[in-house]
Amino acid sequence: MSTIPELARHAREAMHKAVESTKRELSGIRSGKASTSLLEIVRVEAYGGHVPINQVAMVAAPEPRMLTVQPFDKGLTNAIEKAIRDSDLGLNPATQGNLIRVPLPPLSQERRKELVKVVHKLAEEGRIAVRHARTDTMSKLKKLEKVAEDERTRGEKEVQKLTDEHIKQIDGLISAKEAEIMEV
């Protein structure tokens, strides 16, 4: 049987994972600056499957508006270029020898607003995951036997406090990312 501190710890871990997942998702959204995490979502058709780009190439950001991708296997250059072009990122890579250059076009105001909507959607998914962890833990707290009512109430308050803290972290991530995207 679980104890209240164990349930609280489990809830904290689940909520922390939700925040970290949201942070990872947001890092893949393009702002004004080049970031190697931008290409993390790109999957390349190679070796009989779809693999993350960082397993078949080295991605670097040598300039603020340029990414470079250097394939480990020269035979995958075309597949990598195609995967970047076909992604939803709106990028147009160009191959020069065995190096793929990916220039980042400046974001239009309309595109910035679209990206902010995506950020809000991802953040809401993170909030839902945090609230799900709370709901799950609260139902387990209610099922605990041989626990005094005031201890149970104290446990519920602690779980709610954890929920509020993690939702606040996600809100902080959103506002930072939104400011980064809207910065011209």
Protein backbone atom coordinates (compact mmCIF):
# COMPACT_ATOMS: atom_id res chain seq x y z
CA MET A 1 0.00 0.00 0.00
CA SER A 2 1.27 3.49 -0.81
CA THR A 3 1.77 6.24 1.73
CA ILE A 4 0.91 9.92 1.34
CA PRO A 5 4.60 10.98 0.94
CA GLU A 6 5.11 8.26 -1.71
CA LEU A 7 2.05 9.44 -3.62
CA ALA A 8 3.22 13.06 -3.38
CA ARG A 9 6.69 12.09 -4.65
CA HIS A 10 5.15 10.13 -7.52
CA ALA A 11 2.94 13.13 -8.42
CA ARG A 12 5.96 15.48 -8.28
CA GLU A 13 7.92 13.18 -10.64
CA ALA A 14 5.02 12.90 -13.11
CA MET A 15 4.48 16.68 -13.09
CA HIS A 16 8.21 17.33 -13.49
CA LYS A 17 8.25 15.02 -16.54
CA ALA A 18 5.32 16.94 -18.02
CA VAL A 19 7.17 20.26 -17.59
CA GLU A 20 10.39 18.83 -19.07
CA SER A 21 8.47 17.39 -22.02
CA THR A 22 6.84 20.77 -22.64
CA LYS A 23 10.25 22.47 -22.43
CA ARG A 24 11.67 20.00 -24.99
CA GLU A 25 8.70 20.52 -27.34
CA LEU A 26 9.03 24.31 -27.09
CA SER A 27 12.75 24.20 -27.83
CA GLY A 28 11.90 22.72 -31.24
CA ILE A 29 9.82 25.73 -32.19
CA ARG A 30 11.70 28.24 -34.24
CA SER A 31 12.23 31.72 -32.99
CA GLY A 32 14.40 34.37 -34.61
CA LYS A 33 17.68 32.63 -33.81
CA ALA A 34 19.17 29.42 -35.24
CA SER A 35 19.13 26.54 -32.78
CA THR A 36 20.24 22.96 -33.36
CA SER A 37 17.16 21.77 -31.42
CA LEU A 38 15.06 23.09 -34.31
CA LEU A 39 15.87 20.00 -36.37
CA GLU A 40 15.37 17.48 -33.54
CA ILE A 41 11.88 16.64 -34.78
CA VAL A 42 13.14 15.80 -38.29
CA ARG A 43 13.16 12.06 -39.06
CA VAL A 44 15.36 10.79 -41.90
CA GLU A 45 14.54 7.69 -43.93
CA ALA A 46 17.67 5.60 -43.48
CA TYR A 47 18.76 2.04 -42.72
CA GLY A 48 15.27 0.65 -43.31
CA GLY A 49 13.44 3.04 -40.98
CA HIS A 50 12.91 6.64 -39.90
CA VAL A 51 15.65 7.82 -37.53
CA PRO A 52 16.21 11.17 -35.78
CA ILE A 53 18.47 13.47 -37.77
CA ASN A 54 21.02 13.66 -34.92
CA GLN A 55 21.69 9.90 -35.36
CA VAL A 56 22.76 10.27 -39.00
CA ALA A 57 24.32 13.75 -39.04
CA MET A 58 25.93 16.45 -36.95
CA VAL A 59 23.82 19.61 -36.70
CA ALA A 60 25.49 22.95 -35.92
CA ALA A 61 24.46 26.61 -35.77
CA PRO A 62 27.52 28.55 -36.98
CA GLU A 63 25.56 31.78 -37.60
CA PRO A 64 22.37 33.32 -36.14
CA ARG A 65 20.38 32.59 -39.32
CA MET A 66 22.09 29.41 -40.57
CA LEU A 67 22.18 25.75 -39.57
CA THR A 68 24.63 23.28 -41.06
CA VAL A 69 24.07 19.54 -41.25
CA GLN A 70 27.03 17.23 -41.85
CA PRO A 71 25.97 13.64 -42.63
CA PHE A 72 28.04 10.85 -41.05
CA ASP A 73 27.36 8.79 -44.19
CA LYS A 74 27.70 10.74 -47.47
CA GLY A 75 25.16 8.40 -49.09
CA LEU A 76 22.43 9.86 -46.84
CA THR A 77 22.92 13.48 -47.95
CA ASN A 78 19.91 13.47 -50.31
CA ALA A 79 17.67 11.67 -47.79
CA ILE A 80 18.58 14.21 -45.08
CA GLU A 81 17.99 17.16 -47.40
CA LYS A 82 14.59 15.70 -48.41
CA ALA A 83 13.61 15.09 -44.77
CA ILE A 84 14.40 18.71 -43.84
CA ARG A 85 12.51 20.04 -46.88
CA ASP A 86 9.47 17.80 -46.19
CA SER A 87 9.27 18.73 -42.49
CA ASP A 88 6.69 21.33 -41.38
CA LEU A 89 9.47 23.79 -40.59
CA GLY A 90 9.33 25.65 -43.90
CA LEU A 91 13.06 25.34 -44.52
CA ASN A 92 14.87 25.10 -47.86
CA PRO A 93 18.21 23.26 -47.44
CA ALA A 94 21.00 23.42 -50.03
CA THR A 95 23.81 20.87 -50.37
CA GLN A 96 27.39 22.03 -50.93
CA GLY A 97 29.68 19.03 -51.22
CA ASN A 98 29.05 16.93 -48.14
CA LEU A 99 27.63 19.80 -46.08
CA ILE A 100 23.96 20.75 -46.07
CA ARG A 101 23.32 24.44 -45.40
CA VAL A 102 19.92 25.35 -43.98
CA PRO A 103 19.31 29.13 -44.14
CA LEU A 104 16.59 30.35 -41.79
CA PRO A 105 14.34 32.90 -43.45
CA PRO A 106 13.19 35.81 -41.30
CA LEU A 107 9.80 35.18 -39.71
CA SER A 108 6.84 37.18 -40.99
CA GLN A 109 4.44 38.67 -38.43
CA GLU A 110 1.78 36.21 -39.59
CA ARG A 111 4.13 33.22 -39.11
CA ARG A 112 5.09 34.52 -35.66
CA LYS A 113 1.41 34.57 -34.65
CA GLU A 114 0.98 31.01 -35.96
CA LEU A 115 3.98 29.88 -33.93
CA VAL A 116 2.57 31.53 -30.80
CA LYS A 117 -0.65 29.51 -31.30
CA VAL A 118 1.44 26.33 -31.55
CA VAL A 119 3.27 27.30 -28.35
CA HIS A 120 -0.04 27.76 -26.53
CA LYS A 121 -1.30 24.39 -27.80
CA LEU A 122 1.86 22.61 -26.61
CA ALA A 123 1.67 24.38 -23.25
CA GLU A 124 -1.96 23.33 -22.82
CA GLU A 125 -0.92 19.71 -23.45
CA GLY A 126 1.69 20.14 -20.71
CA ARG A 127 -0.90 21.59 -18.32
CA ILE A 128 -3.24 18.69 -19.08
CA ALA A 129 -0.46 16.21 -18.25
CA VAL A 130 0.17 18.00 -14.93
CA ARG A 131 -3.55 18.02 -14.09
CA HIS A 132 -3.80 14.35 -15.03
CA ALA A 133 -1.01 13.54 -12.55
CA ARG A 134 -2.94 15.51 -9.90
CA THR A 135 -6.23 13.71 -10.63
CA ASP A 136 -4.51 10.32 -10.56
CA THR A 137 -2.82 11.06 -7.23
CA MET A 138 -5.99 12.52 -5.67
CA SER A 139 -7.96 9.38 -6.54
CA LYS A 140 -5.22 7.21 -4.98
CA LEU A 141 -5.27 9.43 -1.86
CA LYS A 142 -9.02 8.92 -1.50
CA LYS A 143 -8.57 5.13 -1.70
CA LEU A 144 -5.96 5.02 1.08
CA GLU A 145 -7.15 3.04 4.10
CA LYS A 146 -6.25 3.63 7.75
CA VAL A 147 -5.36 7.27 7.14
CA ALA A 148 -6.71 10.06 9.31
CA GLU A 149 -8.95 12.55 7.50
CA ASP A 150 -6.72 15.53 8.37
CA GLU A 151 -3.65 13.70 6.98
CA ARG A 152 -5.52 12.99 3.76
CA THR A 153 -6.57 16.65 3.52
CA ARG A 154 -2.96 17.73 4.14
CA GLY A 155 -1.82 15.34 1.36
CA GLU A 156 -4.44 16.74 -1.04
CA LYS A 157 -3.30 20.30 -0.27
CA GLU A 158 0.32 19.31 -0.92
CA VAL A 159 -0.60 17.74 -4.28
CA GLN A 160 -2.59 20.85 -5.23
CA LYS A 161 0.39 23.03 -4.28
CA LEU A 162 2.65 20.88 -6.51
CA THR A 163 0.14 21.22 -9.34
CA ASP A 164 0.05 25.01 -9.00
CA GLU A 165 3.88 25.20 -8.97
CA HIS A 166 4.24 23.09 -12.12
CA ILE A 167 1.46 24.93 -14.00
CA LYS A 168 3.25 28.18 -13.08
CA GLN A 169 6.52 26.77 -14.52
CA ILE A 170 4.76 25.94 -17.79
CA ASP A 171 3.23 29.43 -17.90
CA GLY A 172 6.73 30.87 -17.43
CA LEU A 173 8.02 28.76 -20.32
CA ILE A 174 5.18 30.02 -22.53
CA SER A 175 5.74 33.70 -21.84
CA ALA A 176 9.49 33.35 -22.40
CA LYS A 177 9.00 31.49 -25.69
CA GLU A 178 6.28 33.88 -26.83
CA ALA A 179 8.57 36.87 -26.17
CA GLU A 180 11.39 35.11 -28.05
CA ILE A 181 9.16 34.45 -31.07
CA MET A 182 7.64 37.95 -31.21
CA GLU A 183 11.06 39.64 -30.85
CA VAL A 184 11.93 41.18 -34.22
